[in-house]
Amino acid sequence: MEQPPSPQTPGAPQPPPAGSRFSPDGFWWWDGATWRPAYSQDRLWRWNGQSWVPAAATPARSGSGVGLAIGLTVGAFALVLILVVVVVLVILGTMGGQIANVFSNVAAALNSTPSP
């Protein structure tokens, strides 16, 4: 007894035919001799192994995360810079009078004449 074909969800991507071989990123397909683009130049059409069909969505590119690394580096630098500014402001706020006293003592010592 044959089973009826399983119903497919409308709008779901159809699996490529058994003879087609696509690259891991889905942007190329092997025709037996060369790799050919699986998407049209305007990205509106996709090759499914037998014919061109409207492209629902382009496959996600698996990037190396360079943008994320740059963003994290800039963010970490900004956080360290903010932390340094806060620490300097706290130190100047709590010890500002003592630091000013040290500088005034040094300036007074430099302007004084040595005793004979």
C-alpha atoms as a PDB file:
ATOM      1  CA  MET A   1       0.000   0.000   0.000  1.00  0.00           C
ATOM      2  CA  GLU A   2       1.470   3.363  -1.038  1.00  0.00           C
ATOM      3  CA  GLN A   3       1.440   6.248   1.369  1.00  0.00           C
ATOM      4  CA  PRO A   4       0.322   9.620   0.092  1.00  0.00           C
ATOM      5  CA  PRO A   5       2.982  12.311  -0.163  1.00  0.00           C
ATOM      6  CA  SER A   6       3.403  14.309   2.983  1.00  0.00           C
ATOM      7  CA  PRO A   7       1.841  17.766   2.861  1.00  0.00           C
ATOM      8  CA  GLN A   8       4.319  20.619   2.746  1.00  0.00           C
ATOM      9  CA  THR A   9       3.900  23.942   4.416  1.00  0.00           C
ATOM     10  CA  PRO A  10       3.103  26.667   1.894  1.00  0.00           C
ATOM     11  CA  GLY A  11       5.960  29.145   1.572  1.00  0.00           C
ATOM     12  CA  ALA A  12       8.496  26.727   3.047  1.00  0.00           C
ATOM     13  CA  PRO A  13      11.666  26.403   0.977  1.00  0.00           C
ATOM     14  CA  GLN A  14      11.671  23.351  -1.243  1.00  0.00           C
ATOM     15  CA  PRO A  15      14.650  21.033  -0.827  1.00  0.00           C
ATOM     16  CA  PRO A  16      17.034  21.081  -3.789  1.00  0.00           C
ATOM     17  CA  PRO A  17      16.843  18.174  -6.207  1.00  0.00           C
ATOM     18  CA  ALA A  18      18.988  15.174  -5.372  1.00  0.00           C
ATOM     19  CA  GLY A  19      21.508  15.854  -8.199  1.00  0.00           C
ATOM     20  CA  SER A  20      22.253  19.444  -7.152  1.00  0.00           C
ATOM     21  CA  ARG A  21      25.169  20.304  -4.968  1.00  0.00           C
ATOM     22  CA  PHE A  22      25.272  23.693  -3.231  1.00  0.00           C
ATOM     23  CA  SER A  23      28.142  25.380  -1.393  1.00  0.00           C
ATOM     24  CA  PRO A  24      27.930  25.526   2.421  1.00  0.00           C
ATOM     25  CA  ASP A  25      26.934  29.202   2.304  1.00  0.00           C
ATOM     26  CA  GLY A  26      24.230  28.500  -0.297  1.00  0.00           C
ATOM     27  CA  PHE A  27      25.444  31.142  -2.744  1.00  0.00           C
ATOM     28  CA  TRP A  28      26.941  28.715  -5.312  1.00  0.00           C
ATOM     29  CA  TRP A  29      25.901  25.446  -6.972  1.00  0.00           C
ATOM     30  CA  TRP A  30      27.980  22.851  -8.798  1.00  0.00           C
ATOM     31  CA  ASP A  31      26.844  22.089 -12.354  1.00  0.00           C
ATOM     32  CA  GLY A  32      29.249  19.180 -12.768  1.00  0.00           C
ATOM     33  CA  ALA A  33      32.058  21.280 -14.246  1.00  0.00           C
ATOM     34  CA  THR A  34      32.120  24.666 -12.489  1.00  0.00           C
ATOM     35  CA  TRP A  35      30.619  26.509  -9.554  1.00  0.00           C
ATOM     36  CA  ARG A  36      27.843  28.826 -10.666  1.00  0.00           C
ATOM     37  CA  PRO A  37      26.027  31.529  -8.679  1.00  0.00           C
ATOM     38  CA  ALA A  38      22.848  30.309  -7.018  1.00  0.00           C
ATOM     39  CA  TYR A  39      21.394  33.840  -6.831  1.00  0.00           C
ATOM     40  CA  SER A  40      20.852  36.411  -9.534  1.00  0.00           C
ATOM     41  CA  GLN A  41      22.905  39.604  -9.380  1.00  0.00           C
ATOM     42  CA  ASP A  42      19.942  41.511  -7.929  1.00  0.00           C
ATOM     43  CA  ARG A  43      19.324  38.697  -5.379  1.00  0.00           C
ATOM     44  CA  LEU A  44      15.683  38.450  -6.430  1.00  0.00           C
ATOM     45  CA  TRP A  45      15.981  35.001  -8.050  1.00  0.00           C
ATOM     46  CA  ARG A  46      17.443  31.753  -6.732  1.00  0.00           C
ATOM     47  CA  TRP A  47      18.525  28.644  -8.628  1.00  0.00           C
ATOM     48  CA  ASN A  48      16.958  25.559  -7.038  1.00  0.00           C
ATOM     49  CA  GLY A  49      18.862  23.036  -9.135  1.00  0.00           C
ATOM     50  CA  GLN A  50      16.331  22.884 -11.979  1.00  0.00           C
ATOM     51  CA  SER A  51      15.005  26.393 -12.554  1.00  0.00           C
ATOM     52  CA  TRP A  52      15.106  29.969 -11.304  1.00  0.00           C
ATOM     53  CA  VAL A  53      12.558  30.675  -8.570  1.00  0.00           C
ATOM     54  CA  PRO A  54      11.822  33.863  -6.620  1.00  0.00           C
ATOM     55  CA  ALA A  55      14.193  34.195  -3.696  1.00  0.00           C
ATOM     56  CA  ALA A  56      12.277  34.422  -0.424  1.00  0.00           C
ATOM     57  CA  ALA A  57      15.307  35.395   1.642  1.00  0.00           C
ATOM     58  CA  THR A  58      19.014  35.197   1.089  1.00  0.00           C
ATOM     59  CA  PRO A  59      20.847  32.710   3.253  1.00  0.00           C
ATOM     60  CA  ALA A  60      22.550  34.146   6.289  1.00  0.00           C
ATOM     61  CA  ARG A  61      26.204  34.863   5.748  1.00  0.00           C
ATOM     62  CA  SER A  62      28.470  33.249   8.247  1.00  0.00           C
ATOM     63  CA  GLY A  63      30.812  36.158   8.927  1.00  0.00           C
ATOM     64  CA  SER A  64      33.989  35.921  10.900  1.00  0.00           C
ATOM     65  CA  GLY A  65      32.710  38.375  13.491  1.00  0.00           C
ATOM     66  CA  VAL A  66      35.190  41.133  12.643  1.00  0.00           C
ATOM     67  CA  GLY A  67      32.568  43.833  13.194  1.00  0.00           C
ATOM     68  CA  LEU A  68      31.641  42.357  16.544  1.00  0.00           C
ATOM     69  CA  ALA A  69      35.299  42.188  17.596  1.00  0.00           C
ATOM     70  CA  ILE A  70      35.875  45.816  16.632  1.00  0.00           C
ATOM     71  CA  GLY A  71      32.729  46.900  18.455  1.00  0.00           C
ATOM     72  CA  LEU A  72      33.711  45.019  21.610  1.00  0.00           C
ATOM     73  CA  THR A  73      37.238  46.471  21.492  1.00  0.00           C
ATOM     74  CA  VAL A  74      35.969  50.038  21.119  1.00  0.00           C
ATOM     75  CA  GLY A  75      33.419  49.466  23.879  1.00  0.00           C
ATOM     76  CA  ALA A  76      36.040  48.040  26.236  1.00  0.00           C
ATOM     77  CA  PHE A  77      38.357  50.979  25.521  1.00  0.00           C
ATOM     78  CA  ALA A  78      35.558  53.448  26.235  1.00  0.00           C
ATOM     79  CA  LEU A  79      34.708  51.696  29.524  1.00  0.00           C
ATOM     80  CA  VAL A  80      38.349  51.754  30.648  1.00  0.00           C
ATOM     81  CA  LEU A  81      38.622  55.434  29.730  1.00  0.00           C
ATOM     82  CA  ILE A  82      35.472  56.264  31.705  1.00  0.00           C
ATOM     83  CA  LEU A  83      36.756  54.265  34.675  1.00  0.00           C
ATOM     84  CA  VAL A  84      40.081  56.140  34.639  1.00  0.00           C
ATOM     85  CA  VAL A  85      38.265  59.497  34.507  1.00  0.00           C
ATOM     86  CA  VAL A  86      36.057  58.546  37.468  1.00  0.00           C
ATOM     87  CA  VAL A  87      39.058  57.371  39.535  1.00  0.00           C
ATOM     88  CA  VAL A  88      41.002  60.582  38.792  1.00  0.00           C
ATOM     89  CA  LEU A  89      37.996  62.731  39.726  1.00  0.00           C
ATOM     90  CA  VAL A  90      37.530  60.844  43.006  1.00  0.00           C
ATOM     91  CA  ILE A  91      41.222  61.182  43.883  1.00  0.00           C
ATOM     92  CA  LEU A  92      41.265  64.901  43.070  1.00  0.00           C
ATOM     93  CA  GLY A  93      38.052  65.441  45.011  1.00  0.00           C
ATOM     94  CA  THR A  94      39.271  63.730  48.164  1.00  0.00           C
ATOM     95  CA  MET A  95      42.940  64.722  48.101  1.00  0.00           C
ATOM     96  CA  GLY A  96      42.812  67.961  46.121  1.00  0.00           C
ATOM     97  CA  GLY A  97      43.617  70.154  49.131  1.00  0.00           C
ATOM     98  CA  GLN A  98      46.606  68.055  50.140  1.00  0.00           C
ATOM     99  CA  ILE A  99      47.968  68.017  46.581  1.00  0.00           C
ATOM    100  CA  ALA A 100      47.587  71.815  46.336  1.00  0.00           C
ATOM    101  CA  ASN A 101      49.402  72.174  49.684  1.00  0.00           C
ATOM    102  CA  VAL A 102      52.317  70.046  48.428  1.00  0.00           C
ATOM    103  CA  PHE A 103      52.667  72.165  45.292  1.00  0.00           C
ATOM    104  CA  SER A 104      52.524  75.420  47.268  1.00  0.00           C
ATOM    105  CA  ASN A 105      55.228  74.113  49.625  1.00  0.00           C
ATOM    106  CA  VAL A 106      57.435  73.185  46.663  1.00  0.00           C
ATOM    107  CA  ALA A 107      56.891  76.595  45.044  1.00  0.00           C
ATOM    108  CA  ALA A 108      57.675  78.375  48.326  1.00  0.00           C
ATOM    109  CA  ALA A 109      60.847  76.330  48.737  1.00  0.00           C
ATOM    110  CA  LEU A 110      61.989  77.178  45.216  1.00  0.00           C
ATOM    111  CA  ASN A 111      61.417  80.931  45.764  1.00  0.00           C
ATOM    112  CA  SER A 112      63.126  81.121  49.150  1.00  0.00           C
ATOM    113  CA  THR A 113      66.728  82.196  49.490  1.00  0.00           C
ATOM    114  CA  PRO A 114      69.150  79.847  51.188  1.00  0.00           C
ATOM    115  CA  SER A 115      70.295  80.889  54.647  1.00  0.00           C
ATOM    116  CA  PRO A 116      74.065  81.465  55.123  1.00  0.00           C
END
